[in-house]
């Protein structure tokens, strides 16, 4: 795996793979958020690479270790809420894929996003 970019846990290759999809802009943005959260949650869970996503307590402990977040409890609370929303989505996707959430990959996220986008287009077309 390539090293993470300075601005987040996604590699340049990951970001390029997301941009290369033919998804509508809003769907690509949502996919980036999911991929970013999944990569962050995997780093919090390390060295575990299968099983459930990190607990709220593990995420809060991680937030407390991040210099940019350490002294901003309001932002930590909002970030935790965002992780909870994405975690619910990742848990649902993992169940549908027959995997544990930590076994999800960027390709699984892309496949799901493309399938959902095609389904929406077919219903609205």
N, C-alpha and C. Protein backbone atom coordinates (compact mmCIF):
# COMPACT_ATOMS: atom_id res chain seq x y z
N UNK A 1 0.84 -1.18 0.00
CA UNK A 1 0.00 0.00 0.00
C UNK A 1 0.88 1.24 0.00
N UNK A 2 0.53 2.21 -0.81
CA UNK A 2 1.27 3.45 -0.87
C UNK A 2 1.06 4.22 0.43
N UNK A 3 2.02 5.08 0.77
CA UNK A 3 1.80 5.90 1.96
C UNK A 3 0.63 6.83 1.77
N UNK A 4 0.01 7.17 2.87
CA UNK A 4 -1.13 8.09 2.82
C UNK A 4 -0.66 9.48 2.43
N UNK A 5 -1.56 10.22 1.83
CA UNK A 5 -1.26 11.61 1.52
C UNK A 5 -1.29 12.40 2.81
N UNK A 6 -0.66 13.57 2.84
CA UNK A 6 -0.64 14.35 4.07
C UNK A 6 -2.02 14.79 4.53
N UNK A 7 -3.01 14.82 3.64
CA UNK A 7 -4.32 15.33 4.00
C UNK A 7 -5.32 14.25 4.35
N UNK A 8 -4.93 12.99 4.36
CA UNK A 8 -5.90 11.97 4.70
C UNK A 8 -5.39 10.57 4.49
N UNK A 9 -6.23 9.59 4.82
CA UNK A 9 -5.81 8.20 4.77
C UNK A 9 -5.88 7.55 3.38
N UNK A 10 -6.47 8.23 2.41
CA UNK A 10 -6.56 7.64 1.07
C UNK A 10 -5.27 7.90 0.30
N UNK A 11 -4.84 6.90 -0.43
CA UNK A 11 -3.66 7.08 -1.28
C UNK A 11 -4.07 7.84 -2.54
N UNK A 12 -3.08 8.33 -3.23
CA UNK A 12 -3.34 9.01 -4.50
C UNK A 12 -4.04 8.04 -5.46
N UNK A 13 -3.59 6.78 -5.45
CA UNK A 13 -4.20 5.77 -6.32
C UNK A 13 -5.68 5.57 -5.98
N UNK A 14 -6.01 5.55 -4.69
CA UNK A 14 -7.41 5.43 -4.26
C UNK A 14 -8.23 6.60 -4.78
N UNK A 15 -7.72 7.81 -4.59
CA UNK A 15 -8.44 9.01 -5.04
C UNK A 15 -8.63 9.00 -6.55
N UNK A 16 -7.59 8.59 -7.27
CA UNK A 16 -7.70 8.52 -8.73
C UNK A 16 -8.71 7.46 -9.15
N UNK A 17 -8.75 6.35 -8.44
CA UNK A 17 -9.70 5.27 -8.77
C UNK A 17 -11.13 5.77 -8.58
N UNK A 18 -11.38 6.53 -7.52
CA UNK A 18 -12.71 7.08 -7.28
C UNK A 18 -13.06 8.08 -8.38
N UNK A 19 -12.13 8.95 -8.73
CA UNK A 19 -12.39 9.96 -9.76
C UNK A 19 -12.61 9.32 -11.13
N UNK A 20 -12.03 8.14 -11.36
CA UNK A 20 -12.16 7.46 -12.65
C UNK A 20 -13.52 6.82 -12.85
N UNK A 21 -14.32 6.73 -11.79
CA UNK A 21 -15.66 6.16 -11.96
C UNK A 21 -16.50 7.13 -12.78
N UNK A 22 -17.54 6.63 -13.35
CA UNK A 22 -18.45 7.49 -14.12
C UNK A 22 -19.64 7.90 -13.27
N UNK A 23 -19.46 7.86 -11.96
CA UNK A 23 -20.54 8.23 -11.05
C UNK A 23 -20.82 9.72 -11.12
N UNK A 24 -22.07 10.10 -10.88
CA UNK A 24 -22.38 11.53 -10.77
C UNK A 24 -21.56 12.16 -9.63
N UNK A 25 -21.37 13.45 -9.71
CA UNK A 25 -20.52 14.17 -8.75
C UNK A 25 -20.90 13.90 -7.30
N UNK A 26 -22.18 13.98 -6.98
CA UNK A 26 -22.62 13.77 -5.60
C UNK A 26 -22.33 12.34 -5.14
N UNK A 27 -22.52 11.36 -6.02
CA UNK A 27 -22.23 9.97 -5.67
C UNK A 27 -20.73 9.77 -5.44
N UNK A 28 -19.90 10.42 -6.27
CA UNK A 28 -18.44 10.32 -6.08
C UNK A 28 -18.03 10.94 -4.75
N UNK A 29 -18.66 12.05 -4.41
CA UNK A 29 -18.36 12.71 -3.13
C UNK A 29 -18.72 11.77 -1.97
N UNK A 30 -19.88 11.17 -2.03
CA UNK A 30 -20.30 10.23 -0.98
C UNK A 30 -19.35 9.03 -0.92
N UNK A 31 -18.94 8.54 -2.08
CA UNK A 31 -17.99 7.43 -2.14
C UNK A 31 -16.66 7.82 -1.49
N UNK A 32 -16.18 9.04 -1.77
CA UNK A 32 -14.94 9.51 -1.14
C UNK A 32 -15.09 9.55 0.38
N UNK A 33 -16.23 10.03 0.87
CA UNK A 33 -16.46 10.07 2.32
C UNK A 33 -16.44 8.66 2.92
N UNK A 34 -17.13 7.73 2.25
CA UNK A 34 -17.14 6.36 2.75
C UNK A 34 -15.74 5.76 2.74
N UNK A 35 -15.00 5.97 1.65
CA UNK A 35 -13.65 5.41 1.53
C UNK A 35 -12.72 6.02 2.58
N UNK A 36 -12.83 7.32 2.78
CA UNK A 36 -12.01 8.01 3.78
C UNK A 36 -12.32 7.46 5.18
N UNK A 37 -13.60 7.33 5.50
CA UNK A 37 -13.99 6.80 6.81
C UNK A 37 -13.54 5.36 6.98
N UNK A 38 -13.72 4.54 5.94
CA UNK A 38 -13.31 3.14 6.03
C UNK A 38 -11.81 3.05 6.29
N UNK A 39 -11.02 3.82 5.55
CA UNK A 39 -9.56 3.79 5.74
C UNK A 39 -9.19 4.24 7.15
N UNK A 40 -9.86 5.28 7.64
CA UNK A 40 -9.58 5.77 8.99
C UNK A 40 -9.98 4.72 10.03
N UNK A 41 -11.16 4.13 9.87
CA UNK A 41 -11.62 3.12 10.82
C UNK A 41 -10.70 1.90 10.81
N UNK A 42 -10.20 1.53 9.63
CA UNK A 42 -9.24 0.41 9.56
C UNK A 42 -7.96 0.76 10.31
N UNK A 43 -7.50 2.01 10.19
CA UNK A 43 -6.28 2.40 10.89
C UNK A 43 -6.50 2.42 12.40
N UNK A 44 -7.69 2.81 12.84
CA UNK A 44 -8.01 2.80 14.27
C UNK A 44 -8.05 1.36 14.78
N UNK A 45 -8.58 0.45 13.97
CA UNK A 45 -8.73 -0.96 14.37
C UNK A 45 -7.43 -1.75 14.30
N UNK A 46 -6.44 -1.24 13.58
CA UNK A 46 -5.19 -1.98 13.38
C UNK A 46 -4.63 -2.44 14.73
N UNK A 47 -4.12 -3.65 14.80
CA UNK A 47 -3.76 -4.55 13.71
C UNK A 47 -4.87 -5.48 13.24
N UNK A 48 -6.08 -5.35 13.82
CA UNK A 48 -7.18 -6.19 13.34
C UNK A 48 -7.47 -5.86 11.88
N UNK A 49 -7.71 -6.87 11.07
CA UNK A 49 -8.05 -6.62 9.67
C UNK A 49 -9.34 -7.33 9.26
N UNK A 50 -10.03 -7.91 10.22
CA UNK A 50 -11.36 -8.46 9.98
C UNK A 50 -12.16 -8.31 11.26
N UNK A 51 -13.46 -8.45 11.13
CA UNK A 51 -14.31 -8.28 12.30
C UNK A 51 -15.04 -6.96 12.25
N UNK A 52 -15.59 -6.56 13.39
CA UNK A 52 -16.39 -5.34 13.44
C UNK A 52 -15.52 -4.08 13.36
N UNK A 53 -16.17 -2.99 13.01
CA UNK A 53 -15.51 -1.69 13.01
C UNK A 53 -15.20 -1.29 14.45
N UNK A 54 -14.30 -0.35 14.64
CA UNK A 54 -13.99 0.10 16.01
C UNK A 54 -15.23 0.62 16.74
N UNK A 55 -15.22 0.45 18.04
CA UNK A 55 -16.32 0.93 18.88
C UNK A 55 -16.23 2.45 19.03
N UNK A 56 -17.30 3.03 19.53
CA UNK A 56 -17.29 4.47 19.80
C UNK A 56 -16.16 4.83 20.75
N UNK A 57 -15.91 3.98 21.73
CA UNK A 57 -14.84 4.24 22.70
C UNK A 57 -13.48 4.24 22.02
N UNK A 58 -13.26 3.31 21.09
CA UNK A 58 -11.99 3.27 20.37
C UNK A 58 -11.82 4.51 19.49
N UNK A 59 -12.91 4.94 18.87
CA UNK A 59 -12.85 6.14 18.02
C UNK A 59 -12.57 7.36 18.88
N UNK A 60 -13.23 7.46 20.03
CA UNK A 60 -12.99 8.60 20.93
C UNK A 60 -11.55 8.61 21.42
N UNK A 61 -11.00 7.46 21.74
CA UNK A 61 -9.60 7.38 22.18
C UNK A 61 -8.68 7.84 21.06
N UNK A 62 -8.97 7.42 19.83
CA UNK A 62 -8.18 7.84 18.67
C UNK A 62 -8.25 9.36 18.50
N UNK A 63 -9.45 9.92 18.61
CA UNK A 63 -9.62 11.37 18.49
C UNK A 63 -8.74 12.10 19.50
N UNK A 64 -8.69 11.57 20.72
CA UNK A 64 -7.89 12.19 21.77
C UNK A 64 -6.40 12.15 21.51
N UNK A 65 -5.99 11.26 20.60
CA UNK A 65 -4.57 11.15 20.26
C UNK A 65 -4.18 12.02 19.06
N UNK A 66 -5.17 12.61 18.40
CA UNK A 66 -4.89 13.43 17.22
C UNK A 66 -4.67 14.88 17.65
N UNK A 67 -3.49 15.43 17.39
CA UNK A 67 -3.20 16.80 17.83
C UNK A 67 -4.25 17.82 17.37
N UNK A 68 -4.74 17.68 16.17
CA UNK A 68 -5.71 18.66 15.64
C UNK A 68 -7.08 18.54 16.31
N UNK A 69 -7.36 17.40 16.93
CA UNK A 69 -8.68 17.16 17.52
C UNK A 69 -8.67 17.19 19.04
N UNK A 70 -7.53 17.02 19.62
CA UNK A 70 -7.40 16.79 21.06
C UNK A 70 -8.15 17.81 21.91
N UNK A 71 -8.09 19.07 21.55
CA UNK A 71 -8.67 20.12 22.40
C UNK A 71 -10.01 20.64 21.90
N UNK A 72 -10.64 19.92 20.99
CA UNK A 72 -11.91 20.39 20.42
C UNK A 72 -12.98 19.32 20.63
N UNK A 73 -13.53 19.28 21.83
CA UNK A 73 -14.50 18.23 22.17
C UNK A 73 -15.77 18.34 21.33
N UNK A 74 -16.18 19.56 20.97
CA UNK A 74 -17.38 19.71 20.14
C UNK A 74 -17.16 19.07 18.77
N UNK A 75 -16.01 19.31 18.17
CA UNK A 75 -15.72 18.70 16.87
C UNK A 75 -15.58 17.19 17.01
N UNK A 76 -14.96 16.73 18.08
CA UNK A 76 -14.84 15.29 18.30
C UNK A 76 -16.22 14.63 18.34
N UNK A 77 -17.17 15.28 19.01
CA UNK A 77 -18.53 14.74 19.08
C UNK A 77 -19.18 14.67 17.71
N UNK A 78 -19.00 15.72 16.91
CA UNK A 78 -19.57 15.73 15.56
C UNK A 78 -18.89 14.69 14.68
N UNK A 79 -17.58 14.57 14.79
CA UNK A 79 -16.85 13.57 14.02
C UNK A 79 -17.32 12.16 14.39
N UNK A 80 -17.52 11.91 15.66
CA UNK A 80 -18.02 10.60 16.10
C UNK A 80 -19.38 10.33 15.49
N UNK A 81 -20.26 11.32 15.46
CA UNK A 81 -21.59 11.14 14.85
C UNK A 81 -21.45 10.79 13.36
N UNK A 82 -20.53 11.45 12.68
CA UNK A 82 -20.33 11.16 11.26
C UNK A 82 -19.80 9.74 11.06
N UNK A 83 -18.85 9.34 11.91
CA UNK A 83 -18.34 7.97 11.84
C UNK A 83 -19.47 6.97 12.09
N UNK A 84 -20.38 7.27 13.01
CA UNK A 84 -21.50 6.37 13.30
C UNK A 84 -22.40 6.21 12.08
N UNK A 85 -22.69 7.30 11.38
CA UNK A 85 -23.54 7.24 10.18
C UNK A 85 -22.88 6.38 9.11
N UNK A 86 -21.61 6.65 8.83
CA UNK A 86 -20.90 5.88 7.81
C UNK A 86 -20.71 4.43 8.27
N UNK A 87 -20.47 4.22 9.55
CA UNK A 87 -20.32 2.85 10.06
C UNK A 87 -21.58 2.03 9.83
N UNK A 88 -22.73 2.64 10.03
CA UNK A 88 -23.99 1.94 9.75
C UNK A 88 -24.06 1.53 8.28
N UNK A 89 -23.67 2.44 7.39
CA UNK A 89 -23.68 2.14 5.96
C UNK A 89 -22.69 1.02 5.64
N UNK A 90 -21.49 1.09 6.22
CA UNK A 90 -20.47 0.07 5.97
C UNK A 90 -20.90 -1.29 6.53
N UNK A 91 -21.54 -1.30 7.69
CA UNK A 91 -22.04 -2.56 8.26
C UNK A 91 -23.08 -3.20 7.35
N UNK A 92 -23.98 -2.39 6.81
CA UNK A 92 -25.01 -2.89 5.89
C UNK A 92 -24.38 -3.45 4.63
N UNK A 93 -23.42 -2.72 4.07
CA UNK A 93 -22.74 -3.18 2.86
C UNK A 93 -21.96 -4.47 3.13
N UNK A 94 -21.27 -4.53 4.25
CA UNK A 94 -20.49 -5.73 4.58
C UNK A 94 -21.39 -6.95 4.69
N UNK A 95 -22.54 -6.78 5.33
CA UNK A 95 -23.49 -7.89 5.46
C UNK A 95 -23.95 -8.35 4.07
N UNK A 96 -24.25 -7.40 3.19
CA UNK A 96 -24.70 -7.74 1.84
C UNK A 96 -23.60 -8.45 1.05
N UNK A 97 -22.34 -8.13 1.34
CA UNK A 97 -21.20 -8.73 0.63
C UNK A 97 -20.73 -10.04 1.26
N UNK A 98 -21.28 -10.37 2.43
CA UNK A 98 -20.84 -11.58 3.12
C UNK A 98 -19.44 -11.44 3.70
N UNK A 99 -19.09 -10.21 4.11
CA UNK A 99 -17.78 -9.95 4.69
C UNK A 99 -17.98 -9.27 6.04
N UNK A 100 -16.90 -9.17 6.79
CA UNK A 100 -16.95 -8.33 7.98
C UNK A 100 -16.62 -6.91 7.52
N UNK A 101 -17.04 -5.90 8.26
CA UNK A 101 -16.80 -4.52 7.83
C UNK A 101 -15.32 -4.20 7.59
N UNK A 102 -14.43 -4.74 8.41
CA UNK A 102 -13.00 -4.45 8.22
C UNK A 102 -12.43 -5.14 6.99
N UNK A 103 -13.17 -6.08 6.42
CA UNK A 103 -12.72 -6.75 5.19
C UNK A 103 -13.18 -6.01 3.94
N UNK A 104 -13.99 -4.98 4.09
CA UNK A 104 -14.44 -4.22 2.92
C UNK A 104 -13.24 -3.57 2.24
N UNK A 105 -13.36 -3.40 0.94
CA UNK A 105 -12.31 -2.77 0.15
C UNK A 105 -12.88 -1.58 -0.62
N UNK A 106 -11.99 -0.78 -1.16
CA UNK A 106 -12.43 0.32 -2.00
C UNK A 106 -13.23 -0.22 -3.19
N UNK A 107 -12.79 -1.33 -3.75
CA UNK A 107 -13.51 -1.90 -4.90
C UNK A 107 -14.94 -2.29 -4.52
N UNK A 108 -15.13 -2.82 -3.32
CA UNK A 108 -16.49 -3.17 -2.88
C UNK A 108 -17.35 -1.91 -2.75
N UNK A 109 -16.76 -0.83 -2.24
CA UNK A 109 -17.49 0.44 -2.13
C UNK A 109 -17.86 0.97 -3.51
N UNK A 110 -16.91 0.89 -4.44
CA UNK A 110 -17.16 1.38 -5.80
C UNK A 110 -18.24 0.54 -6.47
N UNK A 111 -18.12 -0.78 -6.37
CA UNK A 111 -19.13 -1.66 -6.98
C UNK A 111 -20.52 -1.34 -6.45
N UNK A 112 -20.63 -1.15 -5.14
CA UNK A 112 -21.92 -0.83 -4.54
C UNK A 112 -22.44 0.51 -5.04
N UNK A 113 -21.58 1.52 -5.09
CA UNK A 113 -21.99 2.86 -5.53
C UNK A 113 -22.43 2.83 -6.99
N UNK A 114 -21.70 2.11 -7.83
CA UNK A 114 -22.07 2.03 -9.25
C UNK A 114 -23.39 1.29 -9.43
N UNK A 115 -23.59 0.21 -8.69
CA UNK A 115 -24.84 -0.54 -8.78
C UNK A 115 -26.02 0.32 -8.33
N UNK A 116 -25.85 1.02 -7.21
CA UNK A 116 -26.92 1.89 -6.70
C UNK A 116 -27.23 3.02 -7.68
N UNK A 117 -26.20 3.57 -8.30
CA UNK A 117 -26.39 4.66 -9.26
C UNK A 117 -27.15 4.16 -10.49
N UNK A 118 -26.76 2.99 -11.00
CA UNK A 118 -27.46 2.42 -12.16
C UNK A 118 -28.92 2.13 -11.83
N UNK A 119 -29.17 1.62 -10.64
CA UNK A 119 -30.54 1.33 -10.21
C UNK A 119 -31.37 2.61 -10.17
N UNK A 120 -30.81 3.67 -9.60
CA UNK A 120 -31.53 4.95 -9.54
C UNK A 120 -31.81 5.49 -10.94
N UNK A 121 -30.84 5.40 -11.82
CA UNK A 121 -31.03 5.88 -13.19
C UNK A 121 -32.11 5.09 -13.91
N UNK A 122 -32.13 3.78 -13.69
CA UNK A 122 -33.14 2.93 -14.34
C UNK A 122 -34.54 3.27 -13.82
N UNK A 123 -34.66 3.56 -12.55
CA UNK A 123 -35.96 3.91 -11.96
C UNK A 123 -36.44 5.28 -12.42
N UNK A 124 -35.51 6.20 -12.62
CA UNK A 124 -35.87 7.56 -13.00
C UNK A 124 -35.88 7.76 -14.51
N UNK A 125 -35.39 6.78 -15.24
CA UNK A 125 -35.24 6.92 -16.69
C UNK A 125 -36.47 6.56 -17.39
